[in-house]
């Protein structure tokens, strides 16, 4: 099993920092190269550079939830969700289809638990073993 993962190109898990400005404030974000590649694909679908995509995500997150304590982790989760939603068919694999053209409610409907089921003990619809009690 592990060979599948340890055989990855080491460049994919090397970290790289990028400097950018968020509303005139210089900041630096450090992510692994794989995440930078996924962010480039996501942004490219809507004609955005990585810096433009990150700024938009930052702004919309701040508007919806206030500040984000760990923005780098948020970006990693965005990449993971993007890939998972592609695998589930909720986001088309064709990078020519802009994300902005998708019905967000329909895309996200697959992540919502059925009525009467809580999120506790679930990860992407997979039941996790939880301690008794």
C-alpha atoms as a PDB file:
ATOM      1  CA  UNK A   1       0.000   0.000   0.000  1.00  0.00           C
ATOM      2  CA  UNK A   2       2.600   2.548   1.025  1.00  0.00           C
ATOM      3  CA  UNK A   3       4.565   2.156  -2.224  1.00  0.00           C
ATOM      4  CA  UNK A   4       1.774   4.022  -3.998  1.00  0.00           C
ATOM      5  CA  UNK A   5       2.407   7.026  -1.764  1.00  0.00           C
ATOM      6  CA  UNK A   6       6.155   6.862  -1.130  1.00  0.00           C
ATOM      7  CA  UNK A   7       6.851   6.585  -4.853  1.00  0.00           C
ATOM      8  CA  UNK A   8       5.540  10.112  -5.405  1.00  0.00           C
ATOM      9  CA  UNK A   9       7.864  12.613  -7.016  1.00  0.00           C
ATOM     10  CA  UNK A  10       9.619  14.294  -4.033  1.00  0.00           C
ATOM     11  CA  UNK A  11       9.105  17.657  -5.714  1.00  0.00           C
ATOM     12  CA  UNK A  12       5.362  17.318  -5.038  1.00  0.00           C
ATOM     13  CA  UNK A  13       5.854  17.477  -1.263  1.00  0.00           C
ATOM     14  CA  UNK A  14       8.595  20.084  -1.224  1.00  0.00           C
ATOM     15  CA  UNK A  15       7.373  23.337   0.283  1.00  0.00           C
ATOM     16  CA  UNK A  16       7.587  26.640  -1.479  1.00  0.00           C
ATOM     17  CA  UNK A  17       6.715  30.097  -0.244  1.00  0.00           C
ATOM     18  CA  UNK A  18       5.046  32.696  -2.402  1.00  0.00           C
ATOM     19  CA  UNK A  19       4.803  36.339  -1.545  1.00  0.00           C
ATOM     20  CA  UNK A  20       1.710  38.290  -2.468  1.00  0.00           C
ATOM     21  CA  UNK A  21      -0.303  41.283  -1.370  1.00  0.00           C
ATOM     22  CA  UNK A  22      -3.689  40.983   0.234  1.00  0.00           C
ATOM     23  CA  UNK A  23      -5.258  44.438   0.150  1.00  0.00           C
ATOM     24  CA  UNK A  24      -1.891  46.142   0.053  1.00  0.00           C
ATOM     25  CA  UNK A  25      -0.387  44.085   2.875  1.00  0.00           C
ATOM     26  CA  UNK A  26       2.592  41.949   1.891  1.00  0.00           C
ATOM     27  CA  UNK A  27       2.280  38.372   3.096  1.00  0.00           C
ATOM     28  CA  UNK A  28       3.882  35.028   2.415  1.00  0.00           C
ATOM     29  CA  UNK A  29       2.158  31.669   2.064  1.00  0.00           C
ATOM     30  CA  UNK A  30       4.047  28.385   2.320  1.00  0.00           C
ATOM     31  CA  UNK A  31       2.511  25.308   0.685  1.00  0.00           C
ATOM     32  CA  UNK A  32       3.736  22.095  -0.864  1.00  0.00           C
ATOM     33  CA  UNK A  33       4.201  22.183  -4.638  1.00  0.00           C
ATOM     34  CA  UNK A  34       1.255  19.834  -5.200  1.00  0.00           C
ATOM     35  CA  UNK A  35      -1.089  22.381  -3.622  1.00  0.00           C
ATOM     36  CA  UNK A  36       0.359  25.219  -5.714  1.00  0.00           C
ATOM     37  CA  UNK A  37      -0.354  23.092  -8.827  1.00  0.00           C
ATOM     38  CA  UNK A  38      -3.964  22.480  -7.782  1.00  0.00           C
ATOM     39  CA  UNK A  39      -4.496  26.173  -6.975  1.00  0.00           C
ATOM     40  CA  UNK A  40      -3.129  27.043 -10.416  1.00  0.00           C
ATOM     41  CA  UNK A  41      -5.651  24.658 -12.014  1.00  0.00           C
ATOM     42  CA  UNK A  42      -8.549  26.017  -9.954  1.00  0.00           C
ATOM     43  CA  UNK A  43      -7.692  29.624 -10.765  1.00  0.00           C
ATOM     44  CA  UNK A  44      -7.032  28.848 -14.410  1.00  0.00           C
ATOM     45  CA  UNK A  45     -10.558  27.526 -14.818  1.00  0.00           C
ATOM     46  CA  UNK A  46     -11.847  31.058 -14.202  1.00  0.00           C
ATOM     47  CA  UNK A  47      -8.989  32.983 -15.811  1.00  0.00           C
ATOM     48  CA  UNK A  48      -7.425  33.910 -12.462  1.00  0.00           C
ATOM     49  CA  UNK A  49      -3.774  33.831 -11.500  1.00  0.00           C
ATOM     50  CA  UNK A  50      -2.918  32.000  -8.286  1.00  0.00           C
ATOM     51  CA  UNK A  51      -2.516  35.354  -6.512  1.00  0.00           C
ATOM     52  CA  UNK A  52      -5.940  36.520  -7.761  1.00  0.00           C
ATOM     53  CA  UNK A  53      -7.554  33.240  -6.679  1.00  0.00           C
ATOM     54  CA  UNK A  54      -5.975  33.420  -3.217  1.00  0.00           C
ATOM     55  CA  UNK A  55      -7.118  37.027  -2.813  1.00  0.00           C
ATOM     56  CA  UNK A  56     -10.662  36.094  -3.812  1.00  0.00           C
ATOM     57  CA  UNK A  57     -10.710  33.114  -1.432  1.00  0.00           C
ATOM     58  CA  UNK A  58      -9.350  35.287   1.375  1.00  0.00           C
ATOM     59  CA  UNK A  59     -11.948  38.002   0.774  1.00  0.00           C
ATOM     60  CA  UNK A  60     -14.889  35.613   0.517  1.00  0.00           C
ATOM     61  CA  UNK A  61     -13.765  33.651   3.594  1.00  0.00           C
ATOM     62  CA  UNK A  62     -13.421  36.862   5.602  1.00  0.00           C
ATOM     63  CA  UNK A  63     -16.870  37.982   4.466  1.00  0.00           C
ATOM     64  CA  UNK A  64     -18.485  34.643   5.327  1.00  0.00           C
ATOM     65  CA  UNK A  65     -16.621  33.660   8.513  1.00  0.00           C
ATOM     66  CA  UNK A  66     -14.433  36.518   9.645  1.00  0.00           C
ATOM     67  CA  UNK A  67     -10.721  35.882   9.967  1.00  0.00           C
ATOM     68  CA  UNK A  68      -9.128  32.526   9.244  1.00  0.00           C
ATOM     69  CA  UNK A  69      -6.583  31.528  11.889  1.00  0.00           C
ATOM     70  CA  UNK A  70      -4.665  29.208   9.548  1.00  0.00           C
ATOM     71  CA  UNK A  71      -5.125  30.358   5.966  1.00  0.00           C
ATOM     72  CA  UNK A  72      -2.502  27.939   4.580  1.00  0.00           C
ATOM     73  CA  UNK A  73      -4.460  25.004   6.004  1.00  0.00           C
ATOM     74  CA  UNK A  74      -7.646  26.470   4.538  1.00  0.00           C
ATOM     75  CA  UNK A  75      -5.973  26.519   1.106  1.00  0.00           C
ATOM     76  CA  UNK A  76      -4.869  22.883   1.488  1.00  0.00           C
ATOM     77  CA  UNK A  77      -8.423  21.889   2.402  1.00  0.00           C
ATOM     78  CA  UNK A  78      -9.733  23.820  -0.625  1.00  0.00           C
ATOM     79  CA  UNK A  79      -7.427  21.782  -2.857  1.00  0.00           C
ATOM     80  CA  UNK A  80      -8.474  18.488  -1.266  1.00  0.00           C
ATOM     81  CA  UNK A  81     -12.154  19.335  -1.562  1.00  0.00           C
ATOM     82  CA  UNK A  82     -11.704  20.415  -5.185  1.00  0.00           C
ATOM     83  CA  UNK A  83     -10.114  17.059  -6.051  1.00  0.00           C
ATOM     84  CA  UNK A  84     -12.698  15.074  -4.052  1.00  0.00           C
ATOM     85  CA  UNK A  85     -15.555  16.957  -5.708  1.00  0.00           C
ATOM     86  CA  UNK A  86     -14.040  16.173  -9.106  1.00  0.00           C
ATOM     87  CA  UNK A  87     -13.858  12.474  -8.231  1.00  0.00           C
ATOM     88  CA  UNK A  88     -17.478  12.504  -7.099  1.00  0.00           C
ATOM     89  CA  UNK A  89     -18.510  14.140 -10.387  1.00  0.00           C
ATOM     90  CA  UNK A  90     -19.757  17.323  -8.719  1.00  0.00           C
ATOM     91  CA  UNK A  91     -17.024  19.396 -10.375  1.00  0.00           C
ATOM     92  CA  UNK A  92     -16.350  18.455 -14.017  1.00  0.00           C
ATOM     93  CA  UNK A  93     -12.846  17.105 -14.636  1.00  0.00           C
ATOM     94  CA  UNK A  94     -12.634  19.258 -17.765  1.00  0.00           C
ATOM     95  CA  UNK A  95     -10.565  22.309 -16.723  1.00  0.00           C
ATOM     96  CA  UNK A  96     -12.239  24.341 -19.475  1.00  0.00           C
ATOM     97  CA  UNK A  97     -15.438  24.438 -17.381  1.00  0.00           C
ATOM     98  CA  UNK A  98     -15.230  27.518 -15.138  1.00  0.00           C
ATOM     99  CA  UNK A  99     -15.938  27.030 -11.448  1.00  0.00           C
ATOM    100  CA  UNK A 100     -18.060  30.216 -11.496  1.00  0.00           C
ATOM    101  CA  UNK A 101     -20.427  28.518 -13.982  1.00  0.00           C
ATOM    102  CA  UNK A 102     -21.315  25.731 -11.543  1.00  0.00           C
ATOM    103  CA  UNK A 103     -24.346  25.707  -9.256  1.00  0.00           C
ATOM    104  CA  UNK A 104     -22.626  25.832  -5.840  1.00  0.00           C
ATOM    105  CA  UNK A 105     -25.684  24.510  -3.997  1.00  0.00           C
ATOM    106  CA  UNK A 106     -25.818  21.452  -6.261  1.00  0.00           C
ATOM    107  CA  UNK A 107     -22.054  20.864  -5.954  1.00  0.00           C
ATOM    108  CA  UNK A 108     -22.220  21.079  -2.162  1.00  0.00           C
ATOM    109  CA  UNK A 109     -25.383  18.975  -1.825  1.00  0.00           C
ATOM    110  CA  UNK A 110     -23.282  15.801  -2.027  1.00  0.00           C
ATOM    111  CA  UNK A 111     -21.384  16.839   1.114  1.00  0.00           C
ATOM    112  CA  UNK A 112     -24.492  17.355   3.223  1.00  0.00           C
ATOM    113  CA  UNK A 113     -25.606  14.383   5.315  1.00  0.00           C
ATOM    114  CA  UNK A 114     -29.042  12.903   4.640  1.00  0.00           C
ATOM    115  CA  UNK A 115     -31.839  14.172   6.901  1.00  0.00           C
ATOM    116  CA  UNK A 116     -31.472  12.745  10.399  1.00  0.00           C
ATOM    117  CA  UNK A 117     -27.761  11.910  10.041  1.00  0.00           C
ATOM    118  CA  UNK A 118     -25.204  14.036  11.831  1.00  0.00           C
ATOM    119  CA  UNK A 119     -21.709  14.824  10.615  1.00  0.00           C
ATOM    120  CA  UNK A 120     -20.209  13.298  13.771  1.00  0.00           C
ATOM    121  CA  UNK A 121     -18.332  10.160  12.879  1.00  0.00           C
ATOM    122  CA  UNK A 122     -18.283  10.918   9.135  1.00  0.00           C
ATOM    123  CA  UNK A 123     -15.615  12.102   6.740  1.00  0.00           C
ATOM    124  CA  UNK A 124     -16.762  12.756   3.170  1.00  0.00           C
ATOM    125  CA  UNK A 125     -19.664  10.382   3.670  1.00  0.00           C
ATOM    126  CA  UNK A 126     -17.502   7.572   5.076  1.00  0.00           C
ATOM    127  CA  UNK A 127     -18.517   6.299   8.509  1.00  0.00           C
ATOM    128  CA  UNK A 128     -15.586   6.447  10.873  1.00  0.00           C
ATOM    129  CA  UNK A 129     -15.086   4.220  13.883  1.00  0.00           C
ATOM    130  CA  UNK A 130     -15.834   6.263  16.979  1.00  0.00           C
ATOM    131  CA  UNK A 131     -15.253   5.321  20.595  1.00  0.00           C
ATOM    132  CA  UNK A 132     -18.259   3.922  22.420  1.00  0.00           C
ATOM    133  CA  UNK A 133     -20.027   6.279  24.793  1.00  0.00           C
END
